[in-house]
Amino acid sequence: MNLLKSILRACRYLLITVLALGLIVPVNRAQGYPLLKEAPGYARSNDENLQRSNFLSPGFIPAVEQTYLKASNTEISDTFGYSVAISGDTVVVGAHFEDSNATGVNGNQTNHLADDSGAAYVFVYDGTSWSQQAYLKASNTEADDHFGSSVSISGNTIAVGALGESSQATGVNGVQTDNSAADSGAVYIFTRVGGVWSQQAYLKASNTEADDQFGCALSIAGDTIAIGAQYEDSSATGINGNQTSNSAVDSGAVYIFSRNAGVWTQQAYLKASNTNLLDYFGRSVSMAGDTVAVGAYGESSNATGVNGNQSNNSAQGAGATYIFTRNVTTWTQQAYLKASNTESDDQFGYSVAISGDTVAVGAYMEDSNAIGVNGNQTSNSSEDAGAVYVFTRTSTIWSQQAYLKASNTEANDNFGGAVAISGDRLIVGANPEDSNAKGENGDQFNNLASNAGAVYAFDRENSIWNQLAYLKATNSEDFDNFGLSLAISGVFVAVGAPGEDSDAVGINGNQMDNSAFSSGSTFLRKFYPYGICIPYVSH
């Protein structure tokens, strides 16, 4: 494994060197010619401004404070920031390739005896600054478990997924030591009392099987957690169906667990209403109160909008999202969501996020060349540019409210690969985006930093969405994948950049050293209350 990491590092640095020497000319991928950078003070024509409508006024940027987080044991290829979650003043960051063999909370971080076992790091804000509060590991740490591949937090409870964990246990707190179900997956629950974290539960599927990847996605809200297993194979449909059949390979499932007086039990087993092989139901999940949104990016019907015809498979990999609601302890499916411009391979549902009566769905391989909000969806001239669809609920009826695109749409940027929403603010990740801008609202229109990544912040007012900001890392570089993971809570936004390379440790260290390939980082931005802006002066 260490040899592989070294090879990957060498290949990556070779590509960066080639770019630096000018042997490859950055091009506008949508149009196929070298991209010319706009000069400082350049004023676009009225037509260009119309094309780039709904983007933040060039004279102002959102007022922000920024913090740069690194692991306390930064190492090459740990991918710190692969997953992030935030609740109030607490952030949890996953590093699913971290290598120590520690177990539990705050163990020995300094050895490398369990390759890719994974870890999670907890940071807290005291009103003025951030500090690391805990270093979390599985209670049964083993190589290749990928603990930290997903994380979620609600108040004083953290859930961490380990999609490569391999025990054949089922249910809650089973035997962890058997490894006869490779990559079946597990989820670990941690709770905090008086600033001290401890493991509360070890969760497994009720029908554990090899390669199901239980824990590939998860979302916790209060005393309930939804856990995705995108490669689960049963042909059941709906709620609490027959789990024992394996006749629908990689159809996927979601498991609901609830907590009562500190004790976790499984409450429901969710499947799509139109279960089919290779639908990957559960690749993404998001929970708010008694509502869960589940993405199935491989679903293949050609339906559009809400509650269309699910029965055909003529749009392979178009994707779908399913809404489930709970009444006391009983779950039912409330809606079946599709894109307004459904097409094959758009992978609608690859990411989902819900807040109250609003759900955002990413289709990171959607192909239109539209820019901004509610543009023309019919063009397919920007392959895999990506899009996000916003739906809202009135009573029990869902409808599409907006169709969002990047302000600098280009092929292969995968806008919508990650989404997060809180109230009227939505953030969207495009981790392969290529500009070398740094910070807020820089030059979007060059492609000088391949796969550096970007994040787009949108705000809603009176049902109208507008782009608030274009965010980049402060040390934006090739292959940092800024925006691969996202989280938002109140005024705080967390953005993971798992490919970032500095060897800094802790808080606000030196970002400019690139000696720790893909060690990863996370950027925290504190947006001041809505509407407060500071002048932006071009330098």
Protein backbone atom coordinates (compact mmCIF):
# COMPACT_ATOMS: atom_id res chain seq x y z
CA MET A 1 0.00 0.00 0.00
CA ASN A 2 2.80 2.46 0.85
CA LEU A 3 4.47 1.61 -2.49
CA LEU A 4 1.21 2.36 -4.31
CA LYS A 5 0.91 5.69 -2.56
CA SER A 6 4.45 6.56 -3.62
CA ILE A 7 3.69 5.66 -7.25
CA LEU A 8 0.54 7.77 -7.23
CA ARG A 9 2.45 10.68 -5.78
CA ALA A 10 5.16 10.43 -8.43
CA CYS A 11 2.61 10.30 -11.27
CA ARG A 12 0.77 13.29 -9.94
CA TYR A 13 3.87 15.40 -9.52
CA LEU A 14 4.94 14.48 -13.05
CA LEU A 15 1.67 15.86 -14.40
CA ILE A 16 2.02 19.03 -12.32
CA THR A 17 5.57 19.48 -13.65
CA VAL A 18 4.38 19.11 -17.24
CA LEU A 19 1.73 21.75 -16.64
CA ALA A 20 4.24 24.05 -15.00
CA LEU A 21 6.67 23.76 -17.93
CA GLY A 22 3.92 24.81 -20.31
CA LEU A 23 3.97 21.57 -22.28
CA ILE A 24 0.20 21.40 -21.94
CA VAL A 25 -1.78 24.54 -22.78
CA PRO A 26 -4.90 25.02 -20.65
CA VAL A 27 -7.93 25.21 -22.90
CA ASN A 28 -11.56 26.08 -22.60
CA ARG A 29 -12.93 22.52 -22.67
CA ALA A 30 -16.36 23.61 -23.83
CA GLN A 31 -15.02 25.47 -26.91
CA GLY A 32 -11.68 23.82 -27.59
CA TYR A 33 -9.35 26.82 -27.78
CA PRO A 34 -6.74 28.32 -25.41
CA LEU A 35 -8.43 30.27 -22.64
CA LEU A 36 -7.59 33.97 -22.34
CA LYS A 37 -7.62 35.38 -18.82
CA GLU A 38 -9.72 38.51 -18.31
CA ALA A 39 -7.60 41.52 -17.40
CA PRO A 40 -8.15 43.33 -14.06
CA GLY A 41 -10.99 45.81 -14.40
CA TYR A 42 -12.33 44.15 -17.55
CA ALA A 43 -15.97 45.10 -18.10
CA ARG A 44 -18.18 42.56 -19.82
CA SER A 45 -20.69 43.57 -22.44
CA ASN A 46 -24.39 43.72 -21.62
CA ASP A 47 -24.87 40.40 -23.42
CA GLU A 48 -22.16 38.76 -21.32
CA ASN A 49 -23.67 40.16 -18.15
CA LEU A 50 -27.03 38.72 -19.12
CA GLN A 51 -25.41 35.34 -19.74
CA ARG A 52 -23.80 35.49 -16.31
CA SER A 53 -26.94 36.71 -14.55
CA ASN A 54 -27.63 35.71 -10.95
CA PHE A 55 -23.93 35.99 -10.05
CA LEU A 56 -22.76 38.20 -7.22
CA SER A 57 -22.18 41.88 -8.03
CA PRO A 58 -18.47 42.27 -8.92
CA GLY A 59 -18.08 45.17 -6.48
CA PHE A 60 -18.77 43.16 -3.32
CA ILE A 61 -17.85 39.87 -1.73
CA PRO A 62 -19.52 38.22 1.26
CA ALA A 63 -17.86 39.15 4.53
CA VAL A 64 -16.08 36.02 5.76
CA GLU A 65 -13.60 34.73 8.28
CA GLN A 66 -11.60 31.68 7.30
CA THR A 67 -9.87 28.86 9.18
CA TYR A 68 -7.59 26.23 7.65
CA LEU A 69 -7.76 22.80 9.29
CA LYS A 70 -5.28 19.96 9.02
CA ALA A 71 -5.02 16.65 10.83
CA SER A 72 -3.03 16.45 14.04
CA ASN A 73 -1.01 13.66 12.38
CA THR A 74 -0.79 14.85 8.77
CA GLU A 75 0.61 12.21 6.41
CA ILE A 76 0.69 11.65 2.67
CA SER A 77 -2.44 10.18 1.08
CA ASP A 78 -4.59 10.34 4.23
CA THR A 79 -7.21 12.44 2.36
CA PHE A 80 -8.25 14.47 5.40
CA GLY A 81 -11.42 16.26 4.27
CA TYR A 82 -12.84 13.39 2.23
CA SER A 83 -15.96 13.82 4.38
CA VAL A 84 -17.07 16.72 6.57
CA ALA A 85 -20.04 17.54 8.80
CA ILE A 86 -20.92 20.45 11.05
CA SER A 87 -23.45 21.13 13.79
CA GLY A 88 -23.37 24.44 15.63
CA ASP A 89 -19.82 25.00 16.88
CA THR A 90 -18.52 21.47 16.17
CA VAL A 91 -16.99 20.09 12.98
CA VAL A 92 -16.05 16.49 12.22
CA VAL A 93 -13.66 15.65 9.38
CA GLY A 94 -13.03 12.20 7.92
CA ALA A 95 -9.67 10.92 6.62
CA HIS A 96 -10.52 7.48 5.33
CA PHE A 97 -6.97 6.61 4.20
CA GLU A 98 -5.34 7.40 7.56
CA ASP A 99 -3.12 4.52 8.73
CA SER A 100 -2.78 4.26 12.51
CA ASN A 101 -3.90 1.12 14.36
CA ALA A 102 -5.27 3.09 17.31
CA THR A 103 -8.76 2.25 18.57
CA GLY A 104 -11.40 4.40 20.26
CA VAL A 105 -10.85 8.03 21.24
CA ASN A 106 -7.52 9.91 21.34
CA GLY A 107 -5.31 6.87 20.84
CA ASN A 108 -1.76 6.77 19.46
CA GLN A 109 -1.68 8.59 16.11
CA THR A 110 1.99 8.10 15.34
CA ASN A 111 2.20 4.60 13.87
CA HIS A 112 1.29 3.36 10.39
CA LEU A 113 0.39 -0.24 11.18
CA ALA A 114 -3.12 -0.32 9.69
CA ASP A 115 -3.05 1.00 6.11
CA ASP A 116 -6.20 2.89 5.13
CA SER A 117 -7.98 2.05 8.36
CA GLY A 118 -9.18 5.65 8.53
CA ALA A 119 -9.84 8.24 11.22
CA ALA A 120 -12.10 11.16 12.09
CA TYR A 121 -11.14 14.43 13.76
CA VAL A 122 -13.39 16.66 15.88
CA PHE A 123 -12.89 20.43 16.07
CA VAL A 124 -14.76 22.96 18.22
CA TYR A 125 -15.23 26.75 18.11
CA ASP A 126 -15.06 28.77 21.33
CA GLY A 127 -16.42 31.99 19.89
CA THR A 128 -13.10 33.29 18.65
CA SER A 129 -11.05 30.33 17.38
CA TRP A 130 -11.10 26.63 16.49
CA SER A 131 -9.23 23.80 18.22
CA GLN A 132 -9.14 20.01 17.88
CA GLN A 133 -11.18 18.27 20.56
CA ALA A 134 -10.84 14.60 19.64
CA TYR A 135 -9.24 12.00 17.37
CA LEU A 136 -11.68 9.16 16.65
CA LYS A 137 -10.93 5.63 15.52
CA ALA A 138 -13.06 2.51 15.22
CA SER A 139 -13.34 0.13 18.15
CA ASN A 140 -12.13 -2.63 15.80
CA THR A 141 -9.59 -0.77 13.67
CA GLU A 142 -8.21 -2.79 10.75
CA ALA A 143 -6.48 -2.07 7.47
CA ASP A 144 -8.70 -1.05 4.54
CA ASP A 145 -11.79 -0.39 6.67
CA HIS A 146 -11.94 3.26 5.52
CA PHE A 147 -13.38 4.58 8.77
CA GLY A 148 -14.25 8.21 8.01
CA SER A 149 -15.53 7.58 4.49
CA SER A 150 -18.71 9.30 5.70
CA VAL A 151 -19.46 11.44 8.75
CA SER A 152 -22.51 13.16 10.22
CA ILE A 153 -23.16 15.14 13.39
CA SER A 154 -26.20 16.31 15.32
CA GLY A 155 -25.56 18.17 18.57
CA ASN A 156 -23.46 15.92 20.82
CA THR A 157 -23.67 12.84 18.59
CA ILE A 158 -21.34 11.89 15.75
CA ALA A 159 -21.78 9.02 13.29
CA VAL A 160 -18.81 7.72 11.31
CA GLY A 161 -19.09 5.29 8.42
CA ALA A 162 -16.49 2.63 7.57
CA LEU A 163 -17.62 1.24 4.23
CA GLY A 164 -14.76 -1.27 4.05
CA GLU A 165 -15.33 -2.83 7.49
CA SER A 166 -15.77 -6.58 7.14
CA SER A 167 -17.46 -8.21 10.12
CA GLN A 168 -20.52 -10.40 9.53
CA ALA A 169 -22.33 -9.00 12.58
CA THR A 170 -25.90 -7.76 12.20
CA GLY A 171 -27.85 -5.09 14.06
CA VAL A 172 -26.49 -3.22 17.07
CA ASN A 173 -23.27 -3.98 19.03
CA GLY A 174 -22.64 -7.38 17.48
CA VAL A 175 -19.34 -9.28 17.34
CA GLN A 176 -16.77 -7.06 15.59
CA THR A 177 -13.88 -9.49 15.34
CA ASP A 178 -15.03 -11.71 12.46
CA ASN A 179 -13.91 -10.59 9.00
CA SER A 180 -15.89 -12.99 6.83
CA ALA A 181 -18.03 -10.33 5.11
CA ALA A 182 -15.51 -8.19 3.23
CA ASP A 183 -16.59 -4.59 2.69
CA SER A 184 -19.97 -5.16 4.28
CA GLY A 185 -19.50 -1.87 6.13
CA ALA A 186 -20.28 -0.52 9.58
CA VAL A 187 -21.24 2.70 11.37
CA TYR A 188 -19.90 3.89 14.73
CA ILE A 189 -21.83 6.25 17.02
CA PHE A 190 -19.93 8.57 19.37
CA THR A 191 -21.43 10.87 22.01
CA ARG A 192 -20.01 13.82 23.93
CA VAL A 193 -20.52 14.55 27.62
CA GLY A 194 -18.68 17.52 29.14
CA GLY A 195 -16.31 17.78 26.19
CA VAL A 196 -15.36 14.08 26.34
CA TRP A 197 -16.24 11.73 23.47
CA SER A 198 -16.91 7.99 23.77
CA GLN A 199 -18.30 5.31 21.48
CA GLN A 200 -21.96 4.58 22.15
CA ALA A 201 -22.83 2.02 19.48
CA TYR A 202 -21.58 -0.15 16.63
CA LEU A 203 -24.21 -0.48 13.89
CA LYS A 204 -24.48 -3.09 11.15
CA ALA A 205 -27.16 -3.87 8.58
CA SER A 206 -29.93 -6.29 9.48
CA ASN A 207 -28.92 -8.33 6.41
CA THR A 208 -25.15 -7.91 6.42
CA GLU A 209 -23.40 -9.25 3.33
CA ALA A 210 -20.05 -8.80 1.67
CA ASP A 211 -19.59 -5.77 -0.59
CA ASP A 212 -22.80 -3.96 0.46
CA GLN A 213 -20.86 -0.94 1.80
CA PHE A 214 -23.26 -0.18 4.63
CA GLY A 215 -22.22 3.28 5.82
CA CYS A 216 -21.20 4.66 2.43
CA ALA A 217 -23.55 7.54 3.26
CA LEU A 218 -25.27 8.58 6.47
CA SER A 219 -27.24 11.40 8.01
CA ILE A 220 -28.16 11.86 11.66
CA ALA A 221 -30.88 14.11 13.06
CA GLY A 222 -31.46 14.04 16.80
CA ASP A 223 -32.09 10.44 17.84
CA THR A 224 -32.47 9.03 14.32
CA ILE A 225 -29.92 8.07 11.71
CA ALA A 226 -30.33 7.05 8.06
CA ILE A 227 -27.56 4.82 6.66
CA GLY A 228 -27.02 3.99 3.01
CA ALA A 229 -25.71 0.71 1.57
CA GLN A 230 -25.44 1.45 -2.13
CA TYR A 231 -24.41 -2.07 -3.16
CA GLU A 232 -27.05 -4.01 -1.22
CA ASP A 233 -28.70 -6.58 -3.50
CA SER A 234 -32.27 -7.42 -2.46
CA SER A 235 -35.16 -7.02 -4.89
CA ALA A 236 -37.54 -5.76 -2.19
CA THR A 237 -39.51 -2.57 -2.79
CA GLY A 238 -40.83 0.02 -0.36
CA ILE A 239 -40.66 -0.32 3.42
CA ASN A 240 -39.52 -3.37 5.41
CA GLY A 241 -39.67 -5.81 2.51
CA ASN A 242 -37.90 -9.15 2.11
CA GLN A 243 -34.17 -8.59 2.70
CA THR A 244 -33.03 -12.12 1.91
CA SER A 245 -33.17 -12.07 -1.89
CA ASN A 246 -30.03 -11.09 -3.78
CA SER A 247 -31.64 -10.93 -7.21
CA ALA A 248 -31.17 -7.17 -7.77
CA VAL A 249 -27.41 -6.66 -7.71
CA ASP A 250 -26.34 -3.25 -6.37
CA SER A 251 -29.90 -2.00 -6.17
CA GLY A 252 -29.08 -0.48 -2.78
CA ALA A 253 -30.89 0.06 0.51
CA VAL A 254 -31.22 2.50 3.42
CA TYR A 255 -31.51 1.52 7.09
CA ILE A 256 -33.15 3.72 9.73
CA PHE A 257 -32.01 3.41 13.36
CA SER A 258 -33.49 5.27 16.32
CA ARG A 259 -32.21 5.88 19.85
CA ASN A 260 -34.21 5.67 23.07
CA ALA A 261 -32.48 6.32 26.40
CA GLY A 262 -29.07 5.71 24.81
CA VAL A 263 -30.08 2.42 23.16
CA TRP A 264 -30.14 2.12 19.36
CA THR A 265 -32.50 -0.18 17.41
CA GLN A 266 -33.30 -0.52 13.72
CA GLN A 267 -36.62 1.13 12.91
CA ALA A 268 -36.97 0.60 9.16
CA TYR A 269 -35.45 -0.92 6.03
CA LEU A 270 -36.05 1.30 2.99
CA LYS A 271 -35.95 0.33 -0.66
CA ALA A 272 -36.93 2.19 -3.81
CA SER A 273 -40.49 1.91 -5.08
CA ASN A 274 -39.03 0.68 -8.40
CA THR A 275 -36.04 -1.37 -7.25
CA ASN A 276 -33.72 -2.42 -10.04
CA LEU A 277 -30.19 -3.73 -10.30
CA LEU A 278 -27.41 -1.12 -10.46
CA ASP A 279 -29.62 1.71 -9.17
CA TYR A 280 -27.30 2.43 -6.20
CA PHE A 281 -30.17 3.56 -3.97
CA GLY A 282 -28.54 4.91 -0.79
CA ARG A 283 -25.42 6.35 -2.41
CA SER A 284 -26.56 9.63 -0.85
CA VAL A 285 -28.90 10.29 2.09
CA SER A 286 -29.99 13.38 3.98
CA MET A 287 -32.34 13.66 6.93
CA ALA A 288 -34.26 16.57 8.48
CA GLY A 289 -36.76 15.85 11.24
CA ASP A 290 -39.10 13.11 10.01
CA THR A 291 -38.08 13.35 6.35
CA VAL A 292 -35.33 11.48 4.53
CA ALA A 293 -34.12 12.06 0.98
CA VAL A 294 -32.36 9.15 -0.72
CA GLY A 295 -30.44 9.36 -3.98
CA ALA A 296 -30.21 6.53 -6.52
CA TYR A 297 -27.89 7.87 -9.17
CA GLY A 298 -28.03 4.72 -11.30
CA GLU A 299 -31.85 4.64 -11.63
CA SER A 300 -32.88 4.59 -15.27
CA SER A 301 -36.43 5.77 -15.90
CA ASN A 302 -36.99 8.61 -18.38
CA ALA A 303 -39.61 10.28 -16.17
CA THR A 304 -39.30 14.00 -15.43
CA GLY A 305 -40.42 16.06 -12.45
CA VAL A 306 -42.36 14.62 -9.51
CA ASN A 307 -44.03 11.21 -9.30
CA GLY A 308 -43.67 10.34 -12.97
CA ASN A 309 -43.69 6.90 -14.60
CA GLN A 310 -41.08 4.73 -12.86
CA SER A 311 -41.64 1.59 -14.88
CA ASN A 312 -39.35 2.05 -17.90
CA ASN A 313 -35.57 1.89 -18.01
CA SER A 314 -34.93 3.83 -21.20
CA ALA A 315 -32.60 6.46 -19.67
CA GLN A 316 -29.74 4.44 -18.24
CA GLY A 317 -28.11 6.12 -15.26
CA ALA A 318 -30.37 9.17 -15.36
CA GLY A 319 -30.85 8.88 -11.60
CA ALA A 320 -33.68 9.54 -9.16
CA THR A 321 -34.30 10.73 -5.61
CA TYR A 322 -36.90 9.34 -3.21
CA ILE A 323 -38.52 11.18 -0.31
CA PHE A 324 -39.66 9.22 2.76
CA THR A 325 -41.54 10.56 5.76
CA ARG A 326 -42.22 9.19 9.25
CA ASN A 327 -45.44 9.30 11.25
CA VAL A 328 -44.51 8.31 14.83
CA THR A 329 -42.49 5.19 13.91
CA THR A 330 -44.02 4.33 10.53
CA TRP A 331 -42.22 5.27 7.32
CA THR A 332 -43.84 5.80 3.90
CA GLN A 333 -42.58 7.06 0.54
CA GLN A 334 -43.90 10.55 -0.14
CA ALA A 335 -42.37 11.42 -3.50
CA TYR A 336 -40.30 10.21 -6.43
CA LEU A 337 -38.18 13.04 -7.86
CA LYS A 338 -36.58 13.26 -11.28
CA ALA A 339 -34.77 16.03 -13.13
CA SER A 340 -36.77 18.41 -15.28
CA ASN A 341 -34.45 17.49 -18.17
CA THR A 342 -33.86 13.77 -17.51
CA GLU A 343 -31.22 12.17 -19.71
CA SER A 344 -29.08 9.06 -19.62
CA ASP A 345 -25.95 9.18 -17.45
CA ASP A 346 -26.75 12.49 -15.72
CA GLN A 347 -26.66 10.69 -12.34
CA PHE A 348 -29.33 12.84 -10.68
CA GLY A 349 -29.24 11.91 -7.00
CA TYR A 350 -25.49 11.45 -6.72
CA SER A 351 -25.75 14.01 -3.94
CA VAL A 352 -28.74 15.14 -1.89
CA ALA A 353 -29.33 17.61 0.95
CA ILE A 354 -32.50 18.54 2.82
CA SER A 355 -33.43 21.39 5.15
CA GLY A 356 -37.03 21.73 6.30
CA ASP A 357 -39.25 21.61 3.22
CA THR A 358 -36.44 22.08 0.69
CA VAL A 359 -34.29 19.44 -0.94
CA ALA A 360 -31.34 19.97 -3.29
CA VAL A 361 -30.32 17.20 -5.68
CA GLY A 362 -27.04 17.08 -7.56
CA ALA A 363 -26.68 15.62 -11.05
CA TYR A 364 -22.96 15.97 -11.46
CA MET A 365 -22.83 14.55 -14.99
CA GLU A 366 -25.60 16.71 -16.47
CA ASP A 367 -24.49 18.24 -19.77
CA SER A 368 -26.13 21.62 -20.46
CA ASN A 369 -24.02 24.73 -21.00
CA ALA A 370 -26.44 26.96 -19.08
CA ILE A 371 -25.06 29.45 -16.55
CA GLY A 372 -26.60 30.56 -13.27
CA VAL A 373 -30.24 30.05 -12.30
CA ASN A 374 -33.00 28.59 -14.47
CA GLY A 375 -31.06 28.73 -17.72
CA ASN A 376 -31.61 26.69 -20.90
CA GLN A 377 -31.56 22.99 -19.99
CA THR A 378 -31.83 21.61 -23.52
CA SER A 379 -28.25 21.99 -24.72
CA ASN A 380 -25.81 19.13 -24.17
CA SER A 381 -22.68 20.93 -25.27
CA SER A 382 -20.87 20.84 -21.90
CA GLU A 383 -20.45 17.17 -21.09
CA ASP A 384 -20.53 16.35 -17.38
CA ALA A 385 -20.66 20.03 -16.41
CA GLY A 386 -23.24 19.16 -13.76
CA ALA A 387 -26.38 20.75 -12.34
CA VAL A 388 -28.39 21.05 -9.12
CA TYR A 389 -32.17 20.92 -8.83
CA VAL A 390 -34.05 22.48 -5.92
CA PHE A 391 -37.45 21.10 -4.88
CA THR A 392 -39.81 22.47 -2.25
CA ARG A 393 -42.74 20.95 -0.37
CA THR A 394 -46.09 22.56 0.34
CA SER A 395 -48.16 20.38 2.66
CA THR A 396 -47.19 16.99 1.17
CA ILE A 397 -46.73 18.12 -2.44
CA TRP A 398 -43.28 18.55 -3.94
CA SER A 399 -42.41 20.73 -6.94
CA GLN A 400 -39.22 21.94 -8.59
CA GLN A 401 -38.29 25.49 -7.59
CA ALA A 402 -34.98 26.04 -9.38
CA TYR A 403 -32.40 24.66 -11.77
CA LEU A 404 -28.90 25.78 -10.79
CA LYS A 405 -25.69 25.83 -12.80
CA ALA A 406 -22.23 27.19 -12.12
CA SER A 407 -21.42 30.80 -12.99
CA ASN A 408 -18.52 29.42 -15.07
CA THR A 409 -20.05 26.23 -16.49
CA GLU A 410 -17.59 23.99 -18.30
CA ALA A 411 -17.38 20.39 -19.36
CA ASN A 412 -16.20 17.90 -16.73
CA ASP A 413 -16.48 20.29 -13.78
CA ASN A 414 -19.06 18.03 -12.07
CA PHE A 415 -21.00 20.88 -10.45
CA GLY A 416 -23.32 19.16 -7.98
CA GLY A 417 -20.93 16.43 -6.92
CA ALA A 418 -21.64 17.62 -3.39
CA VAL A 419 -24.45 19.76 -1.97
CA ALA A 420 -25.36 21.11 1.47
CA ILE A 421 -28.25 23.31 2.54
CA SER A 422 -29.32 25.21 5.65
CA GLY A 423 -32.48 27.31 5.48
CA ASP A 424 -32.17 29.66 2.52
CA ARG A 425 -28.48 29.08 1.85
CA LEU A 426 -27.22 26.34 -0.46
CA ILE A 427 -23.63 25.43 -1.26
CA VAL A 428 -22.57 23.33 -4.24
CA GLY A 429 -19.25 21.64 -4.87
CA ALA A 430 -17.47 21.16 -8.21
CA ASN A 431 -14.25 19.47 -7.16
CA PRO A 432 -12.78 19.04 -10.69
CA GLU A 433 -13.23 22.75 -11.52
CA ASP A 434 -9.98 24.17 -12.89
CA SER A 435 -9.46 27.87 -12.15
CA ASN A 436 -6.44 28.94 -10.13
CA ALA A 437 -8.37 31.68 -8.30
CA LYS A 438 -7.93 31.91 -4.54
CA GLY A 439 -10.37 32.95 -1.84
CA GLU A 440 -13.71 34.57 -2.67
CA ASN A 441 -14.96 35.67 -6.09
CA GLY A 442 -11.68 35.51 -7.96
CA ASP A 443 -11.18 34.99 -11.70
CA GLN A 444 -13.35 32.01 -12.67
CA PHE A 445 -12.53 31.99 -16.32
CA ASN A 446 -9.07 30.48 -16.53
CA ASN A 447 -8.26 26.77 -16.41
CA LEU A 448 -4.78 27.00 -14.94
CA ALA A 449 -5.20 24.64 -11.99
CA SER A 450 -6.58 21.30 -13.10
CA ASN A 451 -9.04 19.78 -10.61
CA ALA A 452 -8.34 22.45 -8.01
CA GLY A 453 -12.06 22.56 -7.26
CA ALA A 454 -14.58 25.25 -6.41
CA VAL A 455 -17.68 25.86 -4.30
CA TYR A 456 -20.67 28.02 -5.22
CA ALA A 457 -22.89 29.62 -2.58
CA PHE A 458 -26.52 30.44 -3.40
CA ASP A 459 -29.09 32.35 -1.34
CA ARG A 460 -32.89 32.32 -1.65
CA GLU A 461 -35.14 35.30 -1.12
CA ASN A 462 -38.89 35.15 -1.79
CA SER A 463 -38.47 31.82 -3.61
CA ILE A 464 -35.81 33.30 -5.93
CA TRP A 465 -32.30 31.84 -5.90
CA ASN A 466 -29.19 33.87 -6.69
CA GLN A 467 -25.51 33.06 -6.55
CA LEU A 468 -23.93 34.75 -3.54
CA ALA A 469 -20.30 33.74 -3.91
CA TYR A 470 -17.70 31.73 -5.79
CA LEU A 471 -15.34 30.14 -3.27
CA LYS A 472 -11.86 28.75 -3.79
CA ALA A 473 -9.19 27.50 -1.44
CA THR A 474 -6.69 30.09 -0.25
CA ASN A 475 -3.93 27.82 -1.57
CA SER A 476 -5.71 26.60 -4.68
CA GLU A 477 -3.60 24.12 -6.66
CA ASP A 478 -3.91 21.29 -9.15
CA PHE A 479 -5.76 18.19 -7.93
CA ASP A 480 -6.69 19.56 -4.51
CA ASN A 481 -10.34 18.63 -5.14
CA PHE A 482 -11.65 21.50 -3.04
CA GLY A 483 -15.41 20.97 -2.73
CA LEU A 484 -15.43 17.17 -2.79
CA SER A 485 -17.22 17.34 0.58
CA LEU A 486 -19.37 20.10 2.04
CA ALA A 487 -21.30 20.98 5.18
CA ILE A 488 -23.20 24.03 6.40
CA SER A 489 -24.67 24.98 9.77
CA GLY A 490 -25.81 28.51 10.54
CA VAL A 491 -23.05 30.93 9.52
CA PHE A 492 -20.38 28.24 9.16
CA VAL A 493 -19.46 26.47 5.94
CA ALA A 494 -16.98 23.57 5.88
CA VAL A 495 -15.30 22.52 2.63
CA GLY A 496 -13.09 19.49 2.25
CA ALA A 497 -10.06 19.42 -0.08
CA PRO A 498 -8.81 15.83 0.30
CA GLY A 499 -6.19 16.18 -2.42
CA GLU A 500 -4.46 19.19 -0.83
CA ASP A 501 -0.76 18.59 -0.20
CA SER A 502 0.65 20.71 2.63
CA ASP A 503 2.42 19.08 5.55
CA ALA A 504 0.92 21.49 8.10
CA VAL A 505 -0.73 20.13 11.22
CA GLY A 506 -3.56 21.53 13.30
CA ILE A 507 -5.07 24.99 12.82
CA ASN A 508 -3.93 27.69 10.36
CA GLY A 509 -0.53 26.18 9.64
CA ASN A 510 1.68 26.79 6.59
CA GLN A 511 -0.40 26.11 3.47
CA MET A 512 2.37 26.60 0.94
CA ASP A 513 4.47 23.47 1.47
CA ASN A 514 3.45 20.60 -0.82
CA SER A 515 5.48 17.79 0.69
CA ALA A 516 2.53 15.72 1.94
CA PHE A 517 0.78 14.50 -1.20
CA SER A 518 -3.01 14.25 -0.77
CA SER A 519 -2.78 14.63 2.98
CA GLY A 520 -5.88 16.78 2.63
CA SER A 521 -7.33 19.79 4.39
CA THR A 522 -10.62 21.40 5.33
CA PHE A 523 -11.50 25.08 5.06
CA LEU A 524 -13.99 26.71 7.42
CA ARG A 525 -15.66 29.92 6.39
CA LYS A 526 -17.80 32.02 8.68
CA PHE A 527 -20.28 34.09 6.71
CA TYR A 528 -21.50 37.12 8.58
CA PRO A 529 -25.30 37.60 8.77
CA TYR A 530 -27.08 37.71 5.42
CA GLY A 531 -26.74 40.98 3.57
CA ILE A 532 -23.58 42.25 5.28
CA CYS A 533 -20.87 42.76 2.67
CA ILE A 534 -17.48 44.39 2.52
CA PRO A 535 -16.05 46.27 -0.48
CA TYR A 536 -13.93 44.21 -2.82
CA VAL A 537 -10.94 45.99 -4.34
CA SER A 538 -9.18 44.41 -7.30
CA HIS A 539 -5.40 44.30 -6.99
